[in-house]
């Protein structure tokens, strides 16, 4: 299964604060929101002038 994150410069999209509608961006992809849906990730990236990057997940078995 492919997973995607939204990148804005050095920061990764985490989410949106529902009380004040501020976007939450943090450094480091581990704190970023991970999307299964590429189209949803693209829409968010377009609204933030960011890009979508695919994560490469490995199974260490």
C-alpha atoms as a PDB file:
ATOM      1  CA  UNK A   1       0.000   0.000   0.000  1.00  0.00           C
ATOM      2  CA  UNK A   2       1.327   3.420  -0.927  1.00  0.00           C
ATOM      3  CA  UNK A   3       1.424   6.221   1.624  1.00  0.00           C
ATOM      4  CA  UNK A   4       1.902   9.934   1.021  1.00  0.00           C
ATOM      5  CA  UNK A   5       2.846  13.045   3.004  1.00  0.00           C
ATOM      6  CA  UNK A   6       2.429  16.733   2.138  1.00  0.00           C
ATOM      7  CA  UNK A   7       5.679  18.720   2.248  1.00  0.00           C
ATOM      8  CA  UNK A   8       5.899  22.506   2.545  1.00  0.00           C
ATOM      9  CA  UNK A   9       9.579  23.415   2.457  1.00  0.00           C
ATOM     10  CA  UNK A  10      11.151  21.978   5.625  1.00  0.00           C
ATOM     11  CA  UNK A  11       7.750  21.289   7.179  1.00  0.00           C
ATOM     12  CA  UNK A  12       5.166  18.528   6.889  1.00  0.00           C
ATOM     13  CA  UNK A  13       1.404  18.998   7.023  1.00  0.00           C
ATOM     14  CA  UNK A  14      -0.028  17.564  10.253  1.00  0.00           C
ATOM     15  CA  UNK A  15      -3.605  18.787  10.251  1.00  0.00           C
ATOM     16  CA  UNK A  16      -5.913  21.699  10.870  1.00  0.00           C
ATOM     17  CA  UNK A  17      -6.941  23.107  14.241  1.00  0.00           C
ATOM     18  CA  UNK A  18     -10.740  22.946  14.204  1.00  0.00           C
ATOM     19  CA  UNK A  19     -11.248  25.724  16.755  1.00  0.00           C
ATOM     20  CA  UNK A  20      -9.347  28.480  14.948  1.00  0.00           C
ATOM     21  CA  UNK A  21      -8.768  26.932  11.467  1.00  0.00           C
ATOM     22  CA  UNK A  22      -4.974  27.306  11.730  1.00  0.00           C
ATOM     23  CA  UNK A  23      -2.884  24.796   9.833  1.00  0.00           C
ATOM     24  CA  UNK A  24      -0.458  22.693  11.801  1.00  0.00           C
ATOM     25  CA  UNK A  25       2.944  22.135  10.173  1.00  0.00           C
ATOM     26  CA  UNK A  26       5.882  20.428  11.885  1.00  0.00           C
ATOM     27  CA  UNK A  27       9.437  19.467  11.026  1.00  0.00           C
ATOM     28  CA  UNK A  28      10.102  15.784  10.429  1.00  0.00           C
ATOM     29  CA  UNK A  29       7.926  13.427   8.418  1.00  0.00           C
ATOM     30  CA  UNK A  30       7.228  11.210  11.447  1.00  0.00           C
ATOM     31  CA  UNK A  31       4.995  13.965  12.807  1.00  0.00           C
ATOM     32  CA  UNK A  32       3.279  14.555   9.476  1.00  0.00           C
ATOM     33  CA  UNK A  33      -0.124  13.249   8.500  1.00  0.00           C
ATOM     34  CA  UNK A  34       0.086  10.142   6.312  1.00  0.00           C
ATOM     35  CA  UNK A  35      -2.461   9.748   3.510  1.00  0.00           C
ATOM     36  CA  UNK A  36      -3.561   6.626   1.650  1.00  0.00           C
ATOM     37  CA  UNK A  37      -5.462   8.719  -0.897  1.00  0.00           C
ATOM     38  CA  UNK A  38      -3.148  10.433  -3.378  1.00  0.00           C
ATOM     39  CA  UNK A  39      -5.885  12.779  -4.641  1.00  0.00           C
ATOM     40  CA  UNK A  40      -6.641  14.068  -1.138  1.00  0.00           C
ATOM     41  CA  UNK A  41      -2.941  14.666  -0.513  1.00  0.00           C
ATOM     42  CA  UNK A  42      -2.647  16.518  -3.848  1.00  0.00           C
ATOM     43  CA  UNK A  43      -5.568  18.833  -2.973  1.00  0.00           C
ATOM     44  CA  UNK A  44      -3.984  19.767   0.357  1.00  0.00           C
ATOM     45  CA  UNK A  45      -0.570  20.266  -1.271  1.00  0.00           C
ATOM     46  CA  UNK A  46      -2.060  22.552  -3.935  1.00  0.00           C
ATOM     47  CA  UNK A  47      -3.775  24.704  -1.311  1.00  0.00           C
ATOM     48  CA  UNK A  48      -0.470  25.098   0.582  1.00  0.00           C
ATOM     49  CA  UNK A  49       1.806  25.463  -2.459  1.00  0.00           C
ATOM     50  CA  UNK A  50       3.477  22.282  -1.269  1.00  0.00           C
ATOM     51  CA  UNK A  51       4.327  18.945  -2.811  1.00  0.00           C
ATOM     52  CA  UNK A  52       3.312  15.338  -2.267  1.00  0.00           C
ATOM     53  CA  UNK A  53       5.980  12.773  -1.478  1.00  0.00           C
ATOM     54  CA  UNK A  54       5.520   9.025  -1.372  1.00  0.00           C
ATOM     55  CA  UNK A  55       6.830   7.236   1.694  1.00  0.00           C
ATOM     56  CA  UNK A  56       8.819   4.067   1.236  1.00  0.00           C
ATOM     57  CA  UNK A  57       7.852   1.660   3.985  1.00  0.00           C
ATOM     58  CA  UNK A  58       9.840  -1.474   4.615  1.00  0.00           C
ATOM     59  CA  UNK A  59       9.079  -4.546   6.657  1.00  0.00           C
ATOM     60  CA  UNK A  60      12.189  -5.569   8.646  1.00  0.00           C
ATOM     61  CA  UNK A  61      11.226  -9.261   8.919  1.00  0.00           C
END
